[in-house]
Amino acid sequence: MPIPHNKASLLLEIEQSYILLKLDLQLISAEQARSLELEGHAKGTLMNVHNLVSYLIGWGTLVLKWQRLKSKQLPCDFPETGFKWNELGKLAQKFYIDYQELSYGDLLIKLDDTVKGIILLVDSLDDDVLYHLPFHGKWPLGRLIQFNSASPYKNARARLRKWKKQTCLEEKTPQSGCYSYRI
């Protein structure tokens, strides 16, 4: 799918990429979600599915925060207060910690709520605000939203599918869910 360039294409990309990701996330048990087997966001690290979902929530929450602050003409630290763009690995770790106490089920509900918030935000704005006005540096808001929603949803789904495929190659049992998982 080409890079979204208007409200309609951005909404479509967010919704389509999230629907596919959500289907994959629902096939993962709470126990599997805590297994430290996925390639991490920082080079040479491992994470689990719970961390991955926390990461998606963290970035989605930041997008909503950025827009809320900017709309009130308040100062906004990018990417987040206390973090620089070259410290995104540390920011990912913060997201993991922020949501570590949530159960996997509650985490998925939080992700749904975050995605709904992003969709409502996009739906409330017009193409001019989303794509024709600078929001942060050279980037319009629509591109920042896409960078922090649809693109990471696709990336997360690819990570999950790679992990599940590797897991299924190692464990071919009915309990592993490998027989019902489509690659």
C-alpha atoms as a PDB file:
ATOM      1  CA  MET A   1       0.000   0.000   0.000  1.00  0.00           C
ATOM      2  CA  PRO A   2       1.427   3.432  -0.900  1.00  0.00           C
ATOM      3  CA  ILE A   3       2.212   5.977   1.791  1.00  0.00           C
ATOM      4  CA  PRO A   4      -1.014   7.717   2.835  1.00  0.00           C
ATOM      5  CA  HIS A   5      -1.340  11.245   1.492  1.00  0.00           C
ATOM      6  CA  ASN A   6      -4.793  12.177   2.719  1.00  0.00           C
ATOM      7  CA  LYS A   7      -7.206  11.532   5.562  1.00  0.00           C
ATOM      8  CA  ALA A   8      -9.084   8.721   3.813  1.00  0.00           C
ATOM      9  CA  SER A   9      -5.963   6.761   2.903  1.00  0.00           C
ATOM     10  CA  LEU A  10      -4.482   7.260   6.392  1.00  0.00           C
ATOM     11  CA  LEU A  11      -7.642   5.981   8.073  1.00  0.00           C
ATOM     12  CA  LEU A  12      -7.758   2.999   5.730  1.00  0.00           C
ATOM     13  CA  GLU A  13      -4.125   2.093   6.385  1.00  0.00           C
ATOM     14  CA  ILE A  14      -4.471   2.397  10.162  1.00  0.00           C
ATOM     15  CA  GLU A  15      -7.651   0.327  10.238  1.00  0.00           C
ATOM     16  CA  GLN A  16      -6.419  -2.385   7.864  1.00  0.00           C
ATOM     17  CA  SER A  17      -3.018  -2.810   9.496  1.00  0.00           C
ATOM     18  CA  TYR A  18      -4.531  -2.868  12.978  1.00  0.00           C
ATOM     19  CA  ILE A  19      -7.214  -5.429  12.111  1.00  0.00           C
ATOM     20  CA  LEU A  20      -4.538  -7.838  10.870  1.00  0.00           C
ATOM     21  CA  LEU A  21      -2.295  -7.221  13.872  1.00  0.00           C
ATOM     22  CA  LYS A  22      -5.189  -7.679  16.291  1.00  0.00           C
ATOM     23  CA  LEU A  23      -6.058 -11.052  14.756  1.00  0.00           C
ATOM     24  CA  ASP A  24      -2.487 -12.226  15.361  1.00  0.00           C
ATOM     25  CA  LEU A  25      -2.379 -10.821  18.901  1.00  0.00           C
ATOM     26  CA  GLN A  26      -5.580 -12.644  19.827  1.00  0.00           C
ATOM     27  CA  LEU A  27      -3.955 -16.001  18.953  1.00  0.00           C
ATOM     28  CA  ILE A  28      -1.276 -15.499  21.586  1.00  0.00           C
ATOM     29  CA  SER A  29      -1.910 -16.729  25.110  1.00  0.00           C
ATOM     30  CA  ALA A  30      -1.125 -14.638  28.186  1.00  0.00           C
ATOM     31  CA  GLU A  31       1.683 -17.086  28.984  1.00  0.00           C
ATOM     32  CA  GLN A  32       3.174 -16.816  25.488  1.00  0.00           C
ATOM     33  CA  ALA A  33       2.911 -13.014  25.678  1.00  0.00           C
ATOM     34  CA  ARG A  34       5.367 -12.964  28.601  1.00  0.00           C
ATOM     35  CA  SER A  35       7.945 -15.245  26.953  1.00  0.00           C
ATOM     36  CA  LEU A  36      11.131 -13.266  26.229  1.00  0.00           C
ATOM     37  CA  GLU A  37      11.781 -14.470  22.670  1.00  0.00           C
ATOM     38  CA  LEU A  38      11.223 -11.570  20.253  1.00  0.00           C
ATOM     39  CA  GLU A  39      13.991  -9.416  18.849  1.00  0.00           C
ATOM     40  CA  GLY A  40      13.972  -6.232  20.923  1.00  0.00           C
ATOM     41  CA  HIS A  41      13.654  -2.620  19.855  1.00  0.00           C
ATOM     42  CA  ALA A  42      17.239  -1.936  20.929  1.00  0.00           C
ATOM     43  CA  LYS A  43      19.967  -3.812  19.085  1.00  0.00           C
ATOM     44  CA  GLY A  44      21.014  -7.050  20.755  1.00  0.00           C
ATOM     45  CA  THR A  45      18.037  -7.185  23.127  1.00  0.00           C
ATOM     46  CA  LEU A  46      15.074  -9.483  23.520  1.00  0.00           C
ATOM     47  CA  MET A  47      11.518  -8.590  24.391  1.00  0.00           C
ATOM     48  CA  ASN A  48       8.199 -10.335  24.691  1.00  0.00           C
ATOM     49  CA  VAL A  49       4.828  -9.782  23.046  1.00  0.00           C
ATOM     50  CA  HIS A  50       3.656  -7.865  26.132  1.00  0.00           C
ATOM     51  CA  ASN A  51       6.560  -5.429  25.583  1.00  0.00           C
ATOM     52  CA  LEU A  52       5.722  -5.144  21.894  1.00  0.00           C
ATOM     53  CA  VAL A  53       2.113  -4.198  22.632  1.00  0.00           C
ATOM     54  CA  SER A  54       3.297  -1.767  25.344  1.00  0.00           C
ATOM     55  CA  TYR A  55       5.549  -0.134  22.750  1.00  0.00           C
ATOM     56  CA  LEU A  56       2.608   0.344  20.367  1.00  0.00           C
ATOM     57  CA  ILE A  57       0.483   1.835  23.148  1.00  0.00           C
ATOM     58  CA  GLY A  58       3.334   4.125  24.213  1.00  0.00           C
ATOM     59  CA  TRP A  59       3.826   5.604  20.761  1.00  0.00           C
ATOM     60  CA  GLY A  60       0.096   5.925  20.130  1.00  0.00           C
ATOM     61  CA  THR A  61      -0.301   7.716  23.444  1.00  0.00           C
ATOM     62  CA  LEU A  62       2.516  10.084  22.512  1.00  0.00           C
ATOM     63  CA  VAL A  63       0.828  10.964  19.213  1.00  0.00           C
ATOM     64  CA  LEU A  64      -2.369  11.830  21.081  1.00  0.00           C
ATOM     65  CA  LYS A  65      -0.380  13.843  23.635  1.00  0.00           C
ATOM     66  CA  TRP A  66       1.483  15.764  20.926  1.00  0.00           C
ATOM     67  CA  GLN A  67      -1.762  16.783  19.232  1.00  0.00           C
ATOM     68  CA  ARG A  68      -3.464  17.673  22.516  1.00  0.00           C
ATOM     69  CA  LEU A  69      -0.583  19.950  23.580  1.00  0.00           C
ATOM     70  CA  LYS A  70      -0.137  21.542  20.138  1.00  0.00           C
ATOM     71  CA  SER A  71      -3.878  22.195  19.803  1.00  0.00           C
ATOM     72  CA  LYS A  72      -3.732  24.110  23.110  1.00  0.00           C
ATOM     73  CA  GLN A  73      -0.576  25.898  21.915  1.00  0.00           C
ATOM     74  CA  LEU A  74       1.387  24.407  24.801  1.00  0.00           C
ATOM     75  CA  PRO A  75       5.041  23.384  24.577  1.00  0.00           C
ATOM     76  CA  CYS A  76       5.598  19.827  23.455  1.00  0.00           C
ATOM     77  CA  ASP A  77       8.787  17.833  23.932  1.00  0.00           C
ATOM     78  CA  PHE A  78       9.554  15.528  21.025  1.00  0.00           C
ATOM     79  CA  PRO A  79       9.649  12.612  21.232  1.00  0.00           C
ATOM     80  CA  GLU A  80       8.932  12.703  24.992  1.00  0.00           C
ATOM     81  CA  THR A  81       9.981  14.738  28.000  1.00  0.00           C
ATOM     82  CA  GLY A  82      13.407  13.532  29.102  1.00  0.00           C
ATOM     83  CA  PHE A  83      14.155  11.663  25.857  1.00  0.00           C
ATOM     84  CA  LYS A  84      15.919  12.660  22.651  1.00  0.00           C
ATOM     85  CA  TRP A  85      15.370  11.173  19.210  1.00  0.00           C
ATOM     86  CA  ASN A  86      18.642   9.247  19.544  1.00  0.00           C
ATOM     87  CA  GLU A  87      17.367   7.589  22.763  1.00  0.00           C
ATOM     88  CA  LEU A  88      14.448   5.645  21.343  1.00  0.00           C
ATOM     89  CA  GLY A  89      15.714   2.374  22.846  1.00  0.00           C
ATOM     90  CA  LYS A  90      15.469   3.954  26.306  1.00  0.00           C
ATOM     91  CA  LEU A  91      12.024   5.264  25.463  1.00  0.00           C
ATOM     92  CA  ALA A  92      10.942   1.759  24.437  1.00  0.00           C
ATOM     93  CA  GLN A  93      12.140   0.491  27.826  1.00  0.00           C
ATOM     94  CA  LYS A  94      10.014   3.188  29.498  1.00  0.00           C
ATOM     95  CA  PHE A  95       6.952   1.982  27.595  1.00  0.00           C
ATOM     96  CA  TYR A  96       7.606  -1.604  28.721  1.00  0.00           C
ATOM     97  CA  ILE A  97       7.747  -0.445  32.347  1.00  0.00           C
ATOM     98  CA  ASP A  98       4.687   1.818  32.013  1.00  0.00           C
ATOM     99  CA  TYR A  99       2.428  -1.130  31.150  1.00  0.00           C
ATOM    100  CA  GLN A 100       4.184  -4.111  32.754  1.00  0.00           C
ATOM    101  CA  GLU A 101       1.565  -4.488  35.504  1.00  0.00           C
ATOM    102  CA  LEU A 102      -1.341  -4.861  33.067  1.00  0.00           C
ATOM    103  CA  SER A 103      -2.532  -8.348  32.233  1.00  0.00           C
ATOM    104  CA  TYR A 104      -2.236  -9.324  28.577  1.00  0.00           C
ATOM    105  CA  GLY A 105      -6.017  -9.046  28.185  1.00  0.00           C
ATOM    106  CA  ASP A 106      -6.082  -5.565  29.721  1.00  0.00           C
ATOM    107  CA  LEU A 107      -3.103  -4.568  27.591  1.00  0.00           C
ATOM    108  CA  LEU A 108      -4.982  -5.545  24.422  1.00  0.00           C
ATOM    109  CA  ILE A 109      -7.975  -3.486  25.582  1.00  0.00           C
ATOM    110  CA  LYS A 110      -5.638  -0.526  26.192  1.00  0.00           C
ATOM    111  CA  LEU A 111      -4.218  -0.954  22.680  1.00  0.00           C
ATOM    112  CA  ASP A 112      -7.754  -1.000  21.230  1.00  0.00           C
ATOM    113  CA  ASP A 113      -8.554   2.207  23.117  1.00  0.00           C
ATOM    114  CA  THR A 114      -5.339   3.858  21.903  1.00  0.00           C
ATOM    115  CA  VAL A 115      -6.048   2.916  18.281  1.00  0.00           C
ATOM    116  CA  LYS A 116      -9.620   4.183  18.607  1.00  0.00           C
ATOM    117  CA  GLY A 117      -8.231   7.468  19.958  1.00  0.00           C
ATOM    118  CA  ILE A 118      -5.906   7.800  16.971  1.00  0.00           C
ATOM    119  CA  ILE A 119      -8.725   7.027  14.536  1.00  0.00           C
ATOM    120  CA  LEU A 120     -10.977   9.601  16.236  1.00  0.00           C
ATOM    121  CA  LEU A 121      -8.158  12.150  16.053  1.00  0.00           C
ATOM    122  CA  VAL A 122      -7.591  11.568  12.334  1.00  0.00           C
ATOM    123  CA  ASP A 123     -11.323  11.595  11.689  1.00  0.00           C
ATOM    124  CA  SER A 124     -11.646  14.969  13.440  1.00  0.00           C
ATOM    125  CA  LEU A 125      -9.055  16.685  11.237  1.00  0.00           C
ATOM    126  CA  ASP A 126      -9.044  17.664   7.583  1.00  0.00           C
ATOM    127  CA  ASP A 127      -6.462  16.996   4.892  1.00  0.00           C
ATOM    128  CA  ASP A 128      -4.989  20.465   5.288  1.00  0.00           C
ATOM    129  CA  VAL A 129      -4.176  19.957   8.973  1.00  0.00           C
ATOM    130  CA  LEU A 130      -3.019  16.378   8.410  1.00  0.00           C
ATOM    131  CA  TYR A 131      -0.860  16.830   5.326  1.00  0.00           C
ATOM    132  CA  HIS A 132      -0.347  20.449   4.316  1.00  0.00           C
ATOM    133  CA  LEU A 133       0.801  22.138   7.520  1.00  0.00           C
ATOM    134  CA  PRO A 134       4.061  21.388   9.314  1.00  0.00           C
ATOM    135  CA  PHE A 135       3.528  19.839  12.721  1.00  0.00           C
ATOM    136  CA  HIS A 136       7.039  18.941  13.861  1.00  0.00           C
ATOM    137  CA  GLY A 137       9.945  20.142  11.764  1.00  0.00           C
ATOM    138  CA  LYS A 138       9.270  19.207   8.169  1.00  0.00           C
ATOM    139  CA  TRP A 139       6.748  16.517   9.114  1.00  0.00           C
ATOM    140  CA  PRO A 140       3.002  17.063   8.846  1.00  0.00           C
ATOM    141  CA  LEU A 141       0.807  15.463  11.500  1.00  0.00           C
ATOM    142  CA  GLY A 142      -0.532  12.829   9.117  1.00  0.00           C
ATOM    143  CA  ARG A 143       2.962  11.449   8.507  1.00  0.00           C
ATOM    144  CA  LEU A 144       3.766  11.452  12.234  1.00  0.00           C
ATOM    145  CA  ILE A 145       0.552   9.564  12.906  1.00  0.00           C
ATOM    146  CA  GLN A 146       1.376   7.034  10.184  1.00  0.00           C
ATOM    147  CA  PHE A 147       4.955   6.623  11.499  1.00  0.00           C
ATOM    148  CA  ASN A 148       3.545   5.827  14.938  1.00  0.00           C
ATOM    149  CA  SER A 149       0.482   3.746  14.087  1.00  0.00           C
ATOM    150  CA  ALA A 150       0.080   1.911  10.789  1.00  0.00           C
ATOM    151  CA  SER A 151       3.806   1.438  10.150  1.00  0.00           C
ATOM    152  CA  PRO A 152       4.583  -0.003  13.602  1.00  0.00           C
ATOM    153  CA  TYR A 153       1.445  -2.185  13.418  1.00  0.00           C
ATOM    154  CA  LYS A 154       2.792  -3.745  10.221  1.00  0.00           C
ATOM    155  CA  ASN A 155       6.242  -4.113  11.739  1.00  0.00           C
ATOM    156  CA  ALA A 156       4.804  -5.696  14.891  1.00  0.00           C
ATOM    157  CA  ARG A 157       2.770  -8.153  12.839  1.00  0.00           C
ATOM    158  CA  ALA A 158       5.856  -9.170  10.868  1.00  0.00           C
ATOM    159  CA  ARG A 159       7.771  -9.705  14.131  1.00  0.00           C
ATOM    160  CA  LEU A 160       4.937 -11.782  15.572  1.00  0.00           C
ATOM    161  CA  ARG A 161       4.602 -13.937  12.497  1.00  0.00           C
ATOM    162  CA  LYS A 162       8.360 -14.541  12.345  1.00  0.00           C
ATOM    163  CA  TRP A 163       8.426 -15.427  16.051  1.00  0.00           C
ATOM    164  CA  LYS A 164       5.391 -17.713  15.777  1.00  0.00           C
ATOM    165  CA  LYS A 165       6.845 -19.449  12.751  1.00  0.00           C
ATOM    166  CA  GLN A 166      10.125 -20.079  14.605  1.00  0.00           C
ATOM    167  CA  THR A 167       8.241 -21.223  17.700  1.00  0.00           C
ATOM    168  CA  CYS A 168       6.097 -23.606  15.676  1.00  0.00           C
ATOM    169  CA  LEU A 169       9.136 -25.106  13.997  1.00  0.00           C
ATOM    170  CA  GLU A 170      10.497 -25.878  17.467  1.00  0.00           C
ATOM    171  CA  GLU A 171       7.238 -27.031  19.147  1.00  0.00           C
ATOM    172  CA  LYS A 172       4.727 -28.967  17.105  1.00  0.00           C
ATOM    173  CA  THR A 173       2.144 -29.681  19.802  1.00  0.00           C
ATOM    174  CA  PRO A 174      -1.582 -28.982  19.911  1.00  0.00           C
ATOM    175  CA  GLN A 175      -1.006 -26.782  22.993  1.00  0.00           C
ATOM    176  CA  SER A 176       1.421 -24.541  21.106  1.00  0.00           C
ATOM    177  CA  GLY A 177      -1.292 -23.399  18.717  1.00  0.00           C
ATOM    178  CA  CYS A 178       1.033 -24.172  15.802  1.00  0.00           C
ATOM    179  CA  TYR A 179      -1.490 -26.294  13.985  1.00  0.00           C
ATOM    180  CA  SER A 180      -4.071 -23.539  13.759  1.00  0.00           C
ATOM    181  CA  TYR A 181      -1.753 -20.626  13.040  1.00  0.00           C
ATOM    182  CA  ARG A 182      -1.592 -19.548   9.424  1.00  0.00           C
ATOM    183  CA  ILE A 183       1.758 -18.260   8.243  1.00  0.00           C
END
